[in-house]
Amino acid sequence: MAAADVDTSPTCRAMGALEVAPGQSPIDYIHDAFQEELFEAGLIASGAPEISGEVTELDFSSFGTGSWNVTLAVASPSLPEGYSVSTAYSFKTSFSAINACQNVIDAFQPTVSDLLSKVVNHPEFPALAGSEGSATS
């Protein structure tokens, strides 16, 4: 679910790989959140077109004004060319590495929420989900 050039285990200020949720890398978190979003929207059903997602950008800054920059490309058999959405989510950071990295982690959930909102509110989402309005990831 990540492009080849995307760092799937980003580190923060040499403190080790970010664990944005217990036992989850950022890519795992995005995948699970995407499936949950589709499920809660009633878009996962047997025989529905499979919506695939690929993270094509995943980076953050924990200096100055902190920010997450994430891009997700989505496609399905009903819309093979798909589309991409991006978010640039800003947050407060800290001079302290421990606090700054915790702020990076804390900002990831709202970043992903914003990203997935852009996926499902995109004008091409109904075509992506297929005529039945159902999909799976």
C-alpha atoms as a PDB file:
ATOM      1  CA  MET A   1       0.000   0.000   0.000  1.00  0.00           C
ATOM      2  CA  ALA A   2       3.032   2.322  -0.230  1.00  0.00           C
ATOM      3  CA  ALA A   3       4.929   3.454  -3.304  1.00  0.00           C
ATOM      4  CA  ALA A   4       8.480   2.141  -3.562  1.00  0.00           C
ATOM      5  CA  ASP A   5      10.047   5.514  -2.735  1.00  0.00           C
ATOM      6  CA  VAL A   6       7.948   6.097   0.418  1.00  0.00           C
ATOM      7  CA  ASP A   7       9.679   5.572   3.762  1.00  0.00           C
ATOM      8  CA  THR A   8       7.297   3.163   5.496  1.00  0.00           C
ATOM      9  CA  SER A   9       9.100   3.427   8.843  1.00  0.00           C
ATOM     10  CA  PRO A  10       9.913   7.116   9.289  1.00  0.00           C
ATOM     11  CA  THR A  11      11.967   8.098  12.308  1.00  0.00           C
ATOM     12  CA  CYS A  12      11.680  11.224  14.389  1.00  0.00           C
ATOM     13  CA  ARG A  13      14.804  13.038  15.528  1.00  0.00           C
ATOM     14  CA  ALA A  14      16.779   9.784  15.776  1.00  0.00           C
ATOM     15  CA  MET A  15      14.358   8.458  18.402  1.00  0.00           C
ATOM     16  CA  GLY A  16      13.406   5.441  16.325  1.00  0.00           C
ATOM     17  CA  ALA A  17      10.563   4.528  14.020  1.00  0.00           C
ATOM     18  CA  LEU A  18       7.276   6.281  14.646  1.00  0.00           C
ATOM     19  CA  GLU A  19       4.566   4.090  16.085  1.00  0.00           C
ATOM     20  CA  VAL A  20       1.460   6.173  15.398  1.00  0.00           C
ATOM     21  CA  ALA A  21      -0.780   3.688  17.204  1.00  0.00           C
ATOM     22  CA  PRO A  22       0.157   0.653  19.304  1.00  0.00           C
ATOM     23  CA  GLY A  23       1.935  -1.769  16.986  1.00  0.00           C
ATOM     24  CA  GLN A  24       1.147   0.243  13.846  1.00  0.00           C
ATOM     25  CA  SER A  25       3.336   1.974  11.326  1.00  0.00           C
ATOM     26  CA  PRO A  26       1.874   4.996   9.528  1.00  0.00           C
ATOM     27  CA  ILE A  27       1.108   2.841   6.463  1.00  0.00           C
ATOM     28  CA  ASP A  28      -0.707   0.208   8.574  1.00  0.00           C
ATOM     29  CA  TYR A  29      -2.694   2.956  10.270  1.00  0.00           C
ATOM     30  CA  ILE A  30      -3.764   4.514   6.961  1.00  0.00           C
ATOM     31  CA  HIS A  31      -4.769   1.095   5.591  1.00  0.00           C
ATOM     32  CA  ASP A  32      -6.839   0.207   8.648  1.00  0.00           C
ATOM     33  CA  ALA A  33      -8.439   3.661   8.831  1.00  0.00           C
ATOM     34  CA  PHE A  34      -9.313   3.481   5.118  1.00  0.00           C
ATOM     35  CA  GLN A  35     -10.987   0.092   5.563  1.00  0.00           C
ATOM     36  CA  GLU A  36     -12.868   1.350   8.621  1.00  0.00           C
ATOM     37  CA  GLU A  37     -14.023   4.469   6.743  1.00  0.00           C
ATOM     38  CA  LEU A  38     -15.356   2.341   3.884  1.00  0.00           C
ATOM     39  CA  PHE A  39     -17.006  -0.101   6.290  1.00  0.00           C
ATOM     40  CA  GLU A  40     -18.693   2.635   8.337  1.00  0.00           C
ATOM     41  CA  ALA A  41     -19.914   4.275   5.136  1.00  0.00           C
ATOM     42  CA  GLY A  42     -21.478   0.946   4.108  1.00  0.00           C
ATOM     43  CA  LEU A  43     -19.138   0.628   1.159  1.00  0.00           C
ATOM     44  CA  ILE A  44     -17.736  -2.825   1.882  1.00  0.00           C
ATOM     45  CA  ALA A  45     -19.898  -5.573   0.467  1.00  0.00           C
ATOM     46  CA  SER A  46     -19.524  -8.934  -1.193  1.00  0.00           C
ATOM     47  CA  GLY A  47     -19.061  -8.615  -4.945  1.00  0.00           C
ATOM     48  CA  ALA A  48     -18.304  -4.879  -4.761  1.00  0.00           C
ATOM     49  CA  PRO A  49     -15.380  -3.395  -6.683  1.00  0.00           C
ATOM     50  CA  GLU A  50     -12.180  -3.388  -4.662  1.00  0.00           C
ATOM     51  CA  ILE A  51     -10.835   0.063  -3.928  1.00  0.00           C
ATOM     52  CA  SER A  52      -7.068   0.036  -3.707  1.00  0.00           C
ATOM     53  CA  GLY A  53      -4.961   2.722  -2.146  1.00  0.00           C
ATOM     54  CA  GLU A  54      -1.291   3.548  -2.414  1.00  0.00           C
ATOM     55  CA  VAL A  55       0.495   6.096  -0.254  1.00  0.00           C
ATOM     56  CA  THR A  56       2.677   8.058  -2.657  1.00  0.00           C
ATOM     57  CA  GLU A  57       3.896  10.673  -0.172  1.00  0.00           C
ATOM     58  CA  LEU A  58       4.437  10.353   3.558  1.00  0.00           C
ATOM     59  CA  ASP A  59       6.648  12.830   5.337  1.00  0.00           C
ATOM     60  CA  PHE A  60       6.609  15.148   8.287  1.00  0.00           C
ATOM     61  CA  SER A  61       8.536  17.938   9.927  1.00  0.00           C
ATOM     62  CA  SER A  62       8.947  18.185  13.678  1.00  0.00           C
ATOM     63  CA  PHE A  63      10.798  21.514  13.500  1.00  0.00           C
ATOM     64  CA  GLY A  64       9.334  25.018  13.383  1.00  0.00           C
ATOM     65  CA  THR A  65       5.689  24.643  12.479  1.00  0.00           C
ATOM     66  CA  GLY A  66       5.233  20.896  12.452  1.00  0.00           C
ATOM     67  CA  SER A  67       3.459  19.309   9.520  1.00  0.00           C
ATOM     68  CA  TRP A  68       2.439  16.019   7.991  1.00  0.00           C
ATOM     69  CA  ASN A  69       2.273  15.757   4.188  1.00  0.00           C
ATOM     70  CA  VAL A  70       0.457  12.693   2.916  1.00  0.00           C
ATOM     71  CA  THR A  71      -0.791  11.775  -0.549  1.00  0.00           C
ATOM     72  CA  LEU A  72      -2.989   8.771  -1.286  1.00  0.00           C
ATOM     73  CA  ALA A  73      -3.749   7.456  -4.780  1.00  0.00           C
ATOM     74  CA  VAL A  74      -6.938   5.390  -5.037  1.00  0.00           C
ATOM     75  CA  ALA A  75      -8.329   3.280  -7.880  1.00  0.00           C
ATOM     76  CA  SER A  76     -10.844   0.509  -8.489  1.00  0.00           C
ATOM     77  CA  PRO A  77     -12.005  -1.660 -11.386  1.00  0.00           C
ATOM     78  CA  SER A  78     -14.855   0.808 -11.939  1.00  0.00           C
ATOM     79  CA  LEU A  79     -12.391   3.751 -12.063  1.00  0.00           C
ATOM     80  CA  PRO A  80      -9.011   2.239 -13.012  1.00  0.00           C
ATOM     81  CA  GLU A  81      -7.346   5.620 -13.570  1.00  0.00           C
ATOM     82  CA  GLY A  82      -8.411   6.598 -10.043  1.00  0.00           C
ATOM     83  CA  TYR A  83      -7.395   9.866  -8.437  1.00  0.00           C
ATOM     84  CA  SER A  84      -5.053  11.216  -5.775  1.00  0.00           C
ATOM     85  CA  VAL A  85      -5.741  13.337  -2.731  1.00  0.00           C
ATOM     86  CA  SER A  86      -3.244  15.124  -0.505  1.00  0.00           C
ATOM     87  CA  THR A  87      -3.240  16.760   2.866  1.00  0.00           C
ATOM     88  CA  ALA A  88      -0.796  19.080   4.552  1.00  0.00           C
ATOM     89  CA  TYR A  89      -1.682  19.082   8.232  1.00  0.00           C
ATOM     90  CA  SER A  90       0.075  21.590  10.516  1.00  0.00           C
ATOM     91  CA  PHE A  91       0.591  21.209  14.248  1.00  0.00           C
ATOM     92  CA  LYS A  92       2.604  22.698  17.095  1.00  0.00           C
ATOM     93  CA  THR A  93       5.996  21.231  17.764  1.00  0.00           C
ATOM     94  CA  SER A  94       8.602  21.596  20.506  1.00  0.00           C
ATOM     95  CA  PHE A  95      12.318  22.112  21.009  1.00  0.00           C
ATOM     96  CA  SER A  96      12.351  18.933  23.093  1.00  0.00           C
ATOM     97  CA  ALA A  97      12.744  15.842  20.908  1.00  0.00           C
ATOM     98  CA  ILE A  98      10.469  13.761  23.129  1.00  0.00           C
ATOM     99  CA  ASN A  99       7.654  16.337  23.044  1.00  0.00           C
ATOM    100  CA  ALA A 100       8.112  17.138  19.369  1.00  0.00           C
ATOM    101  CA  CYS A 101       7.949  13.478  18.357  1.00  0.00           C
ATOM    102  CA  GLN A 102       4.885  12.934  20.541  1.00  0.00           C
ATOM    103  CA  ASN A 103       3.251  15.882  18.774  1.00  0.00           C
ATOM    104  CA  VAL A 104       4.079  14.235  15.421  1.00  0.00           C
ATOM    105  CA  ILE A 105       2.358  11.060  16.602  1.00  0.00           C
ATOM    106  CA  ASP A 106      -0.630  12.938  18.057  1.00  0.00           C
ATOM    107  CA  ALA A 107      -1.123  14.830  14.784  1.00  0.00           C
ATOM    108  CA  PHE A 108      -1.200  11.706  12.641  1.00  0.00           C
ATOM    109  CA  GLN A 109      -4.806  10.663  13.390  1.00  0.00           C
ATOM    110  CA  PRO A 110      -6.310  14.033  12.385  1.00  0.00           C
ATOM    111  CA  THR A 111      -4.018  14.049   9.330  1.00  0.00           C
ATOM    112  CA  VAL A 112      -5.376  10.686   8.188  1.00  0.00           C
ATOM    113  CA  SER A 113      -8.936  11.724   9.000  1.00  0.00           C
ATOM    114  CA  ASP A 114      -8.548  14.787   6.770  1.00  0.00           C
ATOM    115  CA  LEU A 115      -6.969  12.680   4.017  1.00  0.00           C
ATOM    116  CA  LEU A 116      -9.749  10.079   4.029  1.00  0.00           C
ATOM    117  CA  SER A 117     -12.413  12.776   4.107  1.00  0.00           C
ATOM    118  CA  LYS A 118     -10.907  14.090   0.882  1.00  0.00           C
ATOM    119  CA  VAL A 119     -11.081  10.591  -0.645  1.00  0.00           C
ATOM    120  CA  VAL A 120     -14.775  10.030   0.088  1.00  0.00           C
ATOM    121  CA  ASN A 121     -15.841  13.614  -0.652  1.00  0.00           C
ATOM    122  CA  HIS A 122     -14.016  13.709  -3.985  1.00  0.00           C
ATOM    123  CA  PRO A 123     -16.381  14.227  -6.952  1.00  0.00           C
ATOM    124  CA  GLU A 124     -15.162  10.971  -8.527  1.00  0.00           C
ATOM    125  CA  PHE A 125     -15.758   8.853  -5.410  1.00  0.00           C
ATOM    126  CA  PRO A 126     -19.170   7.528  -6.561  1.00  0.00           C
ATOM    127  CA  ALA A 127     -17.520   6.263  -9.772  1.00  0.00           C
ATOM    128  CA  LEU A 128     -14.657   4.804  -7.730  1.00  0.00           C
ATOM    129  CA  ALA A 129     -17.115   2.941  -5.513  1.00  0.00           C
ATOM    130  CA  GLY A 130     -19.021   1.573  -8.520  1.00  0.00           C
ATOM    131  CA  SER A 131     -22.644   1.844  -9.470  1.00  0.00           C
ATOM    132  CA  GLU A 132     -23.705  -0.212  -6.431  1.00  0.00           C
ATOM    133  CA  GLY A 133     -21.985   2.271  -4.120  1.00  0.00           C
ATOM    134  CA  SER A 134     -20.106  -0.594  -2.444  1.00  0.00           C
ATOM    135  CA  ALA A 135     -16.397  -1.295  -2.212  1.00  0.00           C
ATOM    136  CA  THR A 136     -13.645  -3.009  -0.275  1.00  0.00           C
ATOM    137  CA  SER A 137     -10.005  -2.216   0.370  1.00  0.00           C
END
